[in-house]
N, C-alpha and C. Protein backbone atom coordinates (compact mmCIF):
# COMPACT_ATOMS: atom_id res chain seq x y z
N HIS A 1 0.84 -1.11 -0.03
CA HIS A 1 -0.52 -0.14 0.18
C HIS A 1 1.28 0.76 -0.02
N GLN A 2 0.41 2.11 -0.80
CA GLN A 2 1.47 3.73 0.04
C GLN A 2 0.71 4.26 -1.04
N PHE A 3 0.82 5.76 -0.10
CA PHE A 3 -0.10 6.82 -0.51
C PHE A 3 1.13 8.43 -0.28
N SER A 4 1.14 8.75 -1.44
CA SER A 4 1.45 10.12 -1.75
C SER A 4 0.73 11.57 -2.35
N ILE A 5 1.44 13.01 -1.80
CA ILE A 5 1.07 14.15 -1.91
C ILE A 5 2.03 14.42 -2.81
N VAL A 6 1.27 15.58 -2.83
CA VAL A 6 2.51 16.83 -3.87
C VAL A 6 1.18 18.19 -4.06
N ALA A 7 1.75 19.34 -3.47
CA ALA A 7 1.42 20.52 -3.14
C ALA A 7 2.46 21.39 -3.17
N THR A 8 2.19 22.16 -4.49
CA THR A 8 2.86 22.81 -5.14
C THR A 8 2.16 24.53 -4.82
N GLN A 9 2.92 25.85 -4.42
CA GLN A 9 2.41 26.84 -4.16
C GLN A 9 3.48 27.78 -4.71
N ARG A 10 1.93 28.76 -5.79
CA ARG A 10 3.86 29.98 -5.71
C ARG A 10 3.12 30.93 -5.26
N ILE A 11 4.42 31.79 -4.36
CA ILE A 11 3.55 32.67 -3.64
C ILE A 11 3.98 33.92 -4.80
N GLY A 12 3.80 35.31 -4.82
CA GLY A 12 3.89 36.15 -6.08
C GLY A 12 3.62 35.90 -8.02
N LYS A 13 5.19 36.41 -7.92
CA LYS A 13 5.17 36.13 -9.32
C LYS A 13 6.72 35.37 -8.98
N ARG A 14 7.58 35.46 -8.59
CA ARG A 14 9.02 34.44 -8.83
C ARG A 14 8.96 33.03 -8.09
N PHE A 15 8.69 33.27 -6.45
CA PHE A 15 8.86 31.97 -5.62
C PHE A 15 8.04 30.90 -5.69
N TRP A 16 8.61 29.96 -5.06
CA TRP A 16 7.65 29.13 -4.83
C TRP A 16 8.15 27.91 -4.11
N LEU A 17 7.07 27.40 -3.80
CA LEU A 17 7.02 25.63 -2.66
C LEU A 17 6.88 25.22 -3.10
N ASN A 18 7.14 23.76 -3.18
CA ASN A 18 7.26 22.58 -3.24
C ASN A 18 7.04 21.59 -2.19
N PHE A 19 5.92 20.87 -1.35
CA PHE A 19 6.05 19.62 -0.72
C PHE A 19 5.60 18.16 -1.39
N ASP A 20 5.82 17.59 -1.03
CA ASP A 20 6.18 16.06 -1.60
C ASP A 20 6.55 15.01 -0.73
N PHE A 21 5.13 14.45 -0.31
CA PHE A 21 4.83 13.26 1.01
C PHE A 21 4.68 11.98 0.28
N VAL A 22 5.55 11.15 0.85
CA VAL A 22 5.38 9.67 0.26
C VAL A 22 5.60 8.54 1.54
N GLY A 23 4.06 7.87 1.75
CA GLY A 23 3.91 6.98 2.88
C GLY A 23 3.81 4.81 2.62
N THR A 24 4.46 4.51 2.88
CA THR A 24 4.09 3.28 2.37
C THR A 24 3.78 2.05 3.53
N SER A 25 2.89 0.66 3.20
CA SER A 25 3.13 -0.48 4.39
C SER A 25 4.61 -1.33 4.37
N SER A 26 4.58 -1.71 5.24
CA SER A 26 5.83 -2.30 5.05
C SER A 26 6.23 -4.42 3.93
N TYR A 27 6.92 -4.26 3.64
CA TYR A 27 7.36 -4.85 1.91
C TYR A 27 8.22 -6.12 2.18
N LEU A 28 7.73 -6.91 1.86
CA LEU A 28 8.53 -7.85 2.37
C LEU A 28 9.67 -8.46 0.78
N PHE A 29 10.81 -8.85 1.46
CA PHE A 29 12.25 -8.60 0.72
C PHE A 29 12.92 -9.81 0.07
N PRO A 30 13.19 -10.68 -0.91
CA PRO A 30 13.93 -11.84 -1.06
C PRO A 30 15.45 -11.32 -1.22
N PHE A 31 16.16 -12.09 0.46
CA PHE A 31 17.25 -12.30 0.34
C PHE A 31 17.84 -13.28 -0.64
N TYR A 32 18.72 -13.23 -1.68
CA TYR A 32 19.20 -15.01 -2.43
C TYR A 32 20.89 -14.88 -2.21
N ASN A 33 20.25 -16.60 -1.57
CA ASN A 33 21.74 -16.76 -1.07
C ASN A 33 22.31 -18.47 -2.24
N PHE A 34 23.74 -18.17 -1.85
CA PHE A 34 23.81 -19.36 -2.99
C PHE A 34 25.10 -19.93 -2.82
N ASN A 35 24.88 -21.59 -2.69
CA ASN A 35 26.21 -22.14 -2.09
C ASN A 35 26.78 -22.52 -3.09
N PRO A 36 28.89 -22.39 -3.60
CA PRO A 36 28.72 -22.64 -4.61
C PRO A 36 29.54 -23.76 -4.28
N VAL A 37 29.76 -24.42 -3.12
CA VAL A 37 29.70 -25.87 -2.91
C VAL A 37 29.00 -26.93 -3.25
N THR A 38 27.95 -26.58 -2.89
CA THR A 38 27.04 -27.51 -3.34
C THR A 38 25.38 -26.87 -4.49
N PHE A 39 26.46 -25.88 -4.50
CA PHE A 39 25.18 -25.12 -5.54
C PHE A 39 23.37 -25.09 -5.74
N ALA A 40 23.59 -24.96 -4.58
CA ALA A 40 21.99 -24.90 -3.65
C ALA A 40 21.85 -23.43 -3.56
N GLU A 41 20.42 -23.30 -3.36
CA GLU A 41 19.62 -22.42 -3.21
C GLU A 41 18.79 -21.79 -2.27
N LYS A 42 18.66 -20.83 -2.13
CA LYS A 42 17.73 -20.73 -1.23
C LYS A 42 17.07 -19.35 -0.83
N TYR A 43 15.98 -18.76 -1.01
CA TYR A 43 15.91 -17.72 -0.40
C TYR A 43 15.38 -17.27 0.60
N TYR A 44 15.28 -16.08 1.60
CA TYR A 44 15.20 -15.73 2.76
C TYR A 44 14.20 -14.85 2.57
N PHE A 45 12.91 -14.71 3.63
CA PHE A 45 12.19 -13.62 3.18
C PHE A 45 12.92 -12.47 4.35
N TYR A 46 12.52 -11.33 4.07
CA TYR A 46 12.35 -10.04 5.31
C TYR A 46 12.02 -9.03 5.39
N ARG A 47 10.95 -8.84 6.49
CA ARG A 47 9.93 -7.58 6.43
C ARG A 47 10.47 -6.69 6.91
N PHE A 48 10.55 -5.64 5.97
CA PHE A 48 11.00 -4.58 6.24
C PHE A 48 9.41 -3.90 6.33
N LYS A 49 9.60 -2.66 7.93
CA LYS A 49 8.32 -1.41 8.19
C LYS A 49 9.06 -0.39 6.74
N GLY A 50 7.51 0.23 6.72
CA GLY A 50 7.13 1.17 5.55
C GLY A 50 8.48 2.02 6.28
N SER A 51 8.04 3.37 4.38
CA SER A 51 8.59 4.48 4.65
C SER A 51 7.79 5.43 5.22
N CYS A 52 8.74 6.55 5.00
CA CYS A 52 7.36 7.22 5.65
C CYS A 52 8.14 8.71 5.51
N ARG A 53 8.41 9.36 3.91
CA ARG A 53 9.27 10.79 3.84
C ARG A 53 9.04 11.89 2.97
N ALA A 54 9.69 13.18 3.53
CA ALA A 54 8.56 14.40 2.94
C ALA A 54 10.08 14.96 2.73
N ASP A 55 9.20 15.33 1.04
CA ASP A 55 10.83 16.29 1.30
C ASP A 55 10.23 17.92 0.98
N LEU A 56 10.69 19.34 0.84
CA LEU A 56 10.39 20.36 1.02
C LEU A 56 11.23 21.05 0.15
N THR A 57 10.91 21.64 -1.41
CA THR A 57 11.73 22.39 -2.03
C THR A 57 11.10 24.06 -2.19
N ALA A 58 11.75 24.67 -2.52
CA ALA A 58 11.32 26.01 -2.89
C ALA A 58 12.84 27.07 -3.19
N GLY A 59 12.11 27.53 -4.18
CA GLY A 59 13.02 27.95 -5.74
C GLY A 59 12.95 29.53 -6.33
N TYR A 60 14.10 30.57 -6.31
CA TYR A 60 12.95 31.74 -7.08
C TYR A 60 13.52 31.92 -8.16
N THR A 61 12.97 33.25 -9.42
CA THR A 61 13.25 32.91 -10.15
C THR A 61 13.64 34.49 -11.09
N PHE A 62 14.76 34.35 -11.22
CA PHE A 62 15.31 36.23 -11.24
C PHE A 62 14.91 36.26 -12.72
N PRO A 63 14.47 36.61 -12.94
CA PRO A 63 14.60 37.70 -14.35
C PRO A 63 15.90 38.27 -15.64
N ILE A 64 16.28 38.47 -15.96
CA ILE A 64 16.96 38.67 -16.76
C ILE A 64 16.72 38.68 -18.60
N ASP A 65 17.28 39.97 -18.93
CA ASP A 65 16.69 40.59 -19.85
C ASP A 65 15.55 41.03 -20.36
N LYS A 66 14.54 41.53 -19.16
CA LYS A 66 12.99 41.06 -19.49
C LYS A 66 12.41 40.05 -19.90
N ASP A 67 12.15 38.85 -18.94
CA ASP A 67 12.30 38.24 -19.08
C ASP A 67 12.73 36.99 -19.91
N LYS A 68 13.17 37.63 -21.17
CA LYS A 68 14.47 36.82 -21.95
C LYS A 68 14.99 35.49 -21.30
N TYR A 69 15.61 36.25 -19.82
CA TYR A 69 16.41 34.92 -19.80
C TYR A 69 16.01 34.55 -18.64
N ASN A 70 16.22 33.99 -17.54
CA ASN A 70 16.72 33.64 -16.19
C ASN A 70 17.02 32.76 -15.02
N LEU A 71 17.70 33.41 -14.59
CA LEU A 71 18.42 32.72 -13.22
C LEU A 71 17.40 31.60 -12.35
N ARG A 72 17.16 30.90 -12.20
CA ARG A 72 16.38 30.04 -11.52
C ARG A 72 17.26 29.62 -9.72
N LEU A 73 17.49 29.91 -8.41
CA LEU A 73 18.17 29.36 -7.58
C LEU A 73 16.73 28.37 -6.49
N PHE A 74 17.63 27.05 -6.01
CA PHE A 74 15.93 26.81 -5.55
C PHE A 74 16.72 25.78 -4.62
N GLY A 75 16.36 25.33 -3.64
CA GLY A 75 17.42 24.86 -2.20
C GLY A 75 16.19 23.38 -1.92
N THR A 76 17.07 22.08 -1.34
CA THR A 76 15.80 21.41 -1.49
C THR A 76 15.75 20.31 0.32
N VAL A 77 15.27 19.46 0.61
CA VAL A 77 14.93 19.80 1.89
C VAL A 77 14.92 18.12 2.11
N GLU A 78 15.66 16.70 1.65
CA GLU A 78 15.23 15.36 1.19
C GLU A 78 14.95 14.79 3.35
N ASN A 79 14.13 14.00 2.96
CA ASN A 79 13.35 13.13 3.97
C ASN A 79 13.18 14.71 5.58
N LEU A 80 12.70 15.31 5.26
CA LEU A 80 12.75 16.04 6.38
C LEU A 80 12.23 15.82 7.02
N LEU A 81 11.67 14.43 7.78
CA LEU A 81 11.30 13.91 9.00
C LEU A 81 12.12 13.05 9.63
N ASP A 82 13.06 13.09 8.50
CA ASP A 82 14.73 12.28 9.41
C ASP A 82 14.06 11.04 9.39
N TYR A 83 13.25 10.00 9.00
CA TYR A 83 12.77 9.05 9.16
C TYR A 83 13.85 7.68 8.70
N GLU A 84 13.90 6.89 9.41
CA GLU A 84 14.39 5.37 8.89
C GLU A 84 13.51 4.77 8.51
N TYR A 85 14.59 4.17 7.16
CA TYR A 85 13.84 3.01 5.96
C TYR A 85 15.06 2.36 5.43
N PHE A 86 14.09 1.61 4.33
CA PHE A 86 15.18 0.76 3.73
C PHE A 86 14.46 0.81 2.21
N GLU A 87 15.11 0.61 1.43
CA GLU A 87 14.53 0.16 -0.17
C GLU A 87 15.71 -1.21 -0.87
N ASN A 88 14.93 -1.74 -0.84
CA ASN A 88 15.68 -2.79 -1.50
C ASN A 88 16.77 -3.21 -1.21
N GLY A 89 16.98 -3.62 0.39
CA GLY A 89 17.42 -4.10 1.31
C GLY A 89 18.39 -2.72 1.97
N PHE A 90 18.34 -1.97 1.42
CA PHE A 90 19.49 -1.34 2.16
C PHE A 90 19.07 0.45 2.81
N GLN A 91 19.81 0.93 3.59
CA GLN A 91 19.57 1.65 4.57
C GLN A 91 19.25 2.79 3.57
N THR A 92 18.49 4.14 3.43
CA THR A 92 18.85 5.32 3.23
C THR A 92 19.52 6.10 3.44
N VAL A 93 19.81 6.64 3.68
CA VAL A 93 20.51 8.08 3.79
C VAL A 93 20.05 9.22 5.37
N GLY A 94 19.60 9.82 6.11
CA GLY A 94 19.00 10.45 6.50
C GLY A 94 18.50 12.29 6.00
N ARG A 95 18.33 12.53 6.64
CA ARG A 95 17.57 14.12 6.34
C ARG A 95 19.22 14.74 5.40
N ASN A 96 18.59 15.32 4.27
CA ASN A 96 20.06 15.44 3.19
C ASN A 96 19.63 17.21 2.69
N ALA A 97 20.36 17.63 2.19
CA ALA A 97 19.78 18.91 1.38
C ALA A 97 20.91 19.12 0.06
N ARG A 98 20.31 20.22 -0.17
CA ARG A 98 21.35 20.11 -1.62
C ARG A 98 20.54 21.73 -2.35
N ILE A 99 21.56 22.06 -2.70
CA ILE A 99 21.09 23.34 -3.54
C ILE A 99 20.65 23.54 -4.93
N GLY A 100 20.60 24.29 -5.65
CA GLY A 100 21.08 24.42 -7.25
C GLY A 100 21.08 25.67 -7.56
N LEU A 101 21.07 25.68 -8.72
CA LEU A 101 21.44 26.88 -9.81
C LEU A 101 20.79 26.95 -11.38
N SER A 102 19.75 27.00 -12.31
CA SER A 102 19.51 27.20 -13.14
C SER A 102 19.77 27.92 -14.03
N PHE A 103 19.60 27.76 -15.91
CA PHE A 103 19.37 29.54 -16.64
C PHE A 103 18.74 28.09 -17.44
N GLY A 104 17.68 29.92 -17.48
CA GLY A 104 16.24 29.43 -18.46
C GLY A 104 16.97 30.16 -19.99
N PHE A 105 16.78 29.58 -21.15
CA PHE A 105 16.64 30.89 -21.81
C PHE A 105 15.19 30.03 -23.14
């Protein structure tokens, strides 16, 4: 089971916020084990708890040459709730952030 919601809000003409949430139920993941001596194959199943992840992004667009070009500055905080969860059997990173700059023409 999975639930997701995405909400984007413009504030004024140039500033925007985006909120993205995904929540999932627990799931089974198969671990494969191969013994090269006996050529035996075994599968082990492990139940991982579901995930609960929220991301927040904000950005501002700077016009250049009367909106012919633009420079967009944005930042994102991923896993805003710092929830510990696993994807495909591997632990994901905790809360992290990044910033970026894009040029439009």
